[in-house]
Amino acid sequence: MMAATDPLVFALPARLTHELAAGCCEAFARTLAPAGQGIGVQVQAQALQQFDSSALAVLLDLRRQCQARGAQWQLQGLSPKLADLAQLYGVHDWLLPPAHHH
């Protein structure tokens, strides 16, 4: 019975570049498909080491997929390097809302 309240966890790969971006979005869509509306989704970025700006496009797409299903998006383990890239592209607040400043 816990499955309904447990968040769906999707771990990003160690490498996420332009060539791998579409596959990652499709894998996420397949993971999200059987889930119900309004679930919590944790996207874990801890393993992500090698990436380019396509990683930001992927993260924004995953966030969009969550919003389309009314799912609660949560990004965890974003590296400082990727967070800096998100800041540079002006999408940092979309990926990590400033609500975590307690």
C-alpha atoms as a PDB file:
ATOM      1  CA  MET A   1       0.000   0.000   0.000  1.00  0.00           C
ATOM      2  CA  MET A   2       2.999   2.288   0.428  1.00  0.00           C
ATOM      3  CA  ALA A   3       3.540   2.457  -3.339  1.00  0.00           C
ATOM      4  CA  ALA A   4       0.832   5.098  -3.801  1.00  0.00           C
ATOM      5  CA  THR A   5       2.620   7.590  -1.556  1.00  0.00           C
ATOM      6  CA  ASP A   6       6.218   6.653  -2.297  1.00  0.00           C
ATOM      7  CA  PRO A   7       7.762   8.997  -4.834  1.00  0.00           C
ATOM      8  CA  LEU A   8       8.748   7.717  -8.220  1.00  0.00           C
ATOM      9  CA  VAL A   9      12.545   7.797  -8.454  1.00  0.00           C
ATOM     10  CA  PHE A  10      14.358   8.383 -11.735  1.00  0.00           C
ATOM     11  CA  ALA A  11      18.150   8.406 -11.673  1.00  0.00           C
ATOM     12  CA  LEU A  12      19.978  10.280 -14.391  1.00  0.00           C
ATOM     13  CA  PRO A  13      22.855   8.477 -16.101  1.00  0.00           C
ATOM     14  CA  ALA A  14      26.525   9.316 -15.502  1.00  0.00           C
ATOM     15  CA  ARG A  15      26.736  10.835 -18.988  1.00  0.00           C
ATOM     16  CA  LEU A  16      24.071  13.055 -20.531  1.00  0.00           C
ATOM     17  CA  THR A  17      25.023  14.788 -23.756  1.00  0.00           C
ATOM     18  CA  HIS A  18      23.238  15.795 -26.941  1.00  0.00           C
ATOM     19  CA  GLU A  19      23.364  12.263 -28.382  1.00  0.00           C
ATOM     20  CA  LEU A  20      21.785  10.773 -25.249  1.00  0.00           C
ATOM     21  CA  ALA A  21      19.205  13.472 -24.475  1.00  0.00           C
ATOM     22  CA  ALA A  22      16.246  12.083 -26.444  1.00  0.00           C
ATOM     23  CA  GLY A  23      16.772   8.587 -25.055  1.00  0.00           C
ATOM     24  CA  CYS A  24      16.800   9.903 -21.505  1.00  0.00           C
ATOM     25  CA  CYS A  25      13.540  11.820 -22.045  1.00  0.00           C
ATOM     26  CA  GLU A  26      11.930   8.725 -23.556  1.00  0.00           C
ATOM     27  CA  ALA A  27      13.099   6.535 -20.659  1.00  0.00           C
ATOM     28  CA  PHE A  28      11.603   9.020 -18.211  1.00  0.00           C
ATOM     29  CA  ALA A  29       8.310   9.059 -20.132  1.00  0.00           C
ATOM     30  CA  ARG A  30       8.200   5.236 -19.944  1.00  0.00           C
ATOM     31  CA  THR A  31       8.908   5.382 -16.206  1.00  0.00           C
ATOM     32  CA  LEU A  32       6.244   8.018 -15.626  1.00  0.00           C
ATOM     33  CA  ALA A  33       3.576   6.414 -17.855  1.00  0.00           C
ATOM     34  CA  PRO A  34       2.212   3.805 -15.401  1.00  0.00           C
ATOM     35  CA  ALA A  35       2.217   6.244 -12.475  1.00  0.00           C
ATOM     36  CA  GLY A  36      -0.941   7.926 -11.293  1.00  0.00           C
ATOM     37  CA  GLN A  37      -1.763  11.597 -11.431  1.00  0.00           C
ATOM     38  CA  GLY A  38      -0.337  13.893  -8.766  1.00  0.00           C
ATOM     39  CA  ILE A  39       2.465  11.617  -7.598  1.00  0.00           C
ATOM     40  CA  GLY A  40       5.809  12.791  -6.292  1.00  0.00           C
ATOM     41  CA  VAL A  41       8.744  12.380  -8.650  1.00  0.00           C
ATOM     42  CA  GLN A  42      12.371  12.494  -7.520  1.00  0.00           C
ATOM     43  CA  VAL A  43      14.906  13.017 -10.267  1.00  0.00           C
ATOM     44  CA  GLN A  44      18.313  12.077  -8.905  1.00  0.00           C
ATOM     45  CA  ALA A  45      21.289  13.743 -10.550  1.00  0.00           C
ATOM     46  CA  GLN A  46      24.032  12.458  -8.223  1.00  0.00           C
ATOM     47  CA  ALA A  47      25.523  10.113 -10.838  1.00  0.00           C
ATOM     48  CA  LEU A  48      25.630  12.764 -13.560  1.00  0.00           C
ATOM     49  CA  GLN A  49      29.278  13.608 -14.189  1.00  0.00           C
ATOM     50  CA  GLN A  50      29.672  14.231 -17.913  1.00  0.00           C
ATOM     51  CA  PHE A  51      27.144  16.549 -19.543  1.00  0.00           C
ATOM     52  CA  ASP A  52      26.622  19.485 -21.856  1.00  0.00           C
ATOM     53  CA  SER A  53      23.845  22.053 -22.094  1.00  0.00           C
ATOM     54  CA  SER A  54      21.562  19.299 -23.427  1.00  0.00           C
ATOM     55  CA  ALA A  55      21.319  18.085 -19.825  1.00  0.00           C
ATOM     56  CA  LEU A  56      19.455  21.288 -18.976  1.00  0.00           C
ATOM     57  CA  ALA A  57      17.046  20.705 -21.859  1.00  0.00           C
ATOM     58  CA  VAL A  58      16.471  17.176 -20.557  1.00  0.00           C
ATOM     59  CA  LEU A  59      15.816  18.402 -17.013  1.00  0.00           C
ATOM     60  CA  LEU A  60      13.380  21.019 -18.278  1.00  0.00           C
ATOM     61  CA  ASP A  61      11.616  18.358 -20.349  1.00  0.00           C
ATOM     62  CA  LEU A  62      11.355  16.016 -17.357  1.00  0.00           C
ATOM     63  CA  ARG A  63       9.916  18.887 -15.330  1.00  0.00           C
ATOM     64  CA  ARG A  64       7.416  19.623 -18.121  1.00  0.00           C
ATOM     65  CA  GLN A  65       6.386  15.956 -18.253  1.00  0.00           C
ATOM     66  CA  CYS A  66       5.764  16.036 -14.498  1.00  0.00           C
ATOM     67  CA  GLN A  67       3.709  19.212 -14.717  1.00  0.00           C
ATOM     68  CA  ALA A  68       1.619  17.741 -17.533  1.00  0.00           C
ATOM     69  CA  ARG A  69       0.646  14.886 -15.194  1.00  0.00           C
ATOM     70  CA  GLY A  70       0.213  17.007 -12.074  1.00  0.00           C
ATOM     71  CA  ALA A  71       3.228  15.296 -10.510  1.00  0.00           C
ATOM     72  CA  GLN A  72       5.326  16.968  -7.844  1.00  0.00           C
ATOM     73  CA  TRP A  73       8.815  17.473  -9.322  1.00  0.00           C
ATOM     74  CA  GLN A  74      11.887  17.279  -7.092  1.00  0.00           C
ATOM     75  CA  LEU A  75      15.447  17.419  -8.359  1.00  0.00           C
ATOM     76  CA  GLN A  76      18.142  16.030  -6.061  1.00  0.00           C
ATOM     77  CA  GLY A  77      21.917  15.879  -6.213  1.00  0.00           C
ATOM     78  CA  LEU A  78      22.509  18.587  -8.795  1.00  0.00           C
ATOM     79  CA  SER A  79      26.258  19.149  -9.071  1.00  0.00           C
ATOM     80  CA  PRO A  80      27.620  22.670  -8.553  1.00  0.00           C
ATOM     81  CA  LYS A  81      28.876  22.612 -12.133  1.00  0.00           C
ATOM     82  CA  LEU A  82      25.439  21.825 -13.554  1.00  0.00           C
ATOM     83  CA  ALA A  83      23.791  24.298 -11.165  1.00  0.00           C
ATOM     84  CA  ASP A  84      26.197  26.979 -12.449  1.00  0.00           C
ATOM     85  CA  LEU A  85      25.293  26.075 -16.029  1.00  0.00           C
ATOM     86  CA  ALA A  86      21.590  26.349 -15.147  1.00  0.00           C
ATOM     87  CA  GLN A  87      22.258  29.777 -13.620  1.00  0.00           C
ATOM     88  CA  LEU A  88      24.127  30.847 -16.762  1.00  0.00           C
ATOM     89  CA  TYR A  89      21.188  29.823 -18.951  1.00  0.00           C
ATOM     90  CA  GLY A  90      18.688  31.443 -16.589  1.00  0.00           C
ATOM     91  CA  VAL A  91      16.802  28.239 -15.772  1.00  0.00           C
ATOM     92  CA  HIS A  92      18.132  27.589 -12.255  1.00  0.00           C
ATOM     93  CA  ASP A  93      14.900  28.674 -10.539  1.00  0.00           C
ATOM     94  CA  TRP A  94      12.831  26.429 -12.804  1.00  0.00           C
ATOM     95  CA  LEU A  95      14.907  23.427 -11.810  1.00  0.00           C
ATOM     96  CA  LEU A  96      15.474  24.281  -8.161  1.00  0.00           C
ATOM     97  CA  PRO A  97      12.784  26.600  -6.799  1.00  0.00           C
ATOM     98  CA  PRO A  98      14.127  29.069  -4.202  1.00  0.00           C
ATOM     99  CA  ALA A  99      11.787  27.516  -1.593  1.00  0.00           C
ATOM    100  CA  HIS A 100      14.681  25.623   0.015  1.00  0.00           C
ATOM    101  CA  HIS A 101      16.144  28.581   1.910  1.00  0.00           C
ATOM    102  CA  HIS A 102      15.118  27.662   5.458  1.00  0.00           C
END
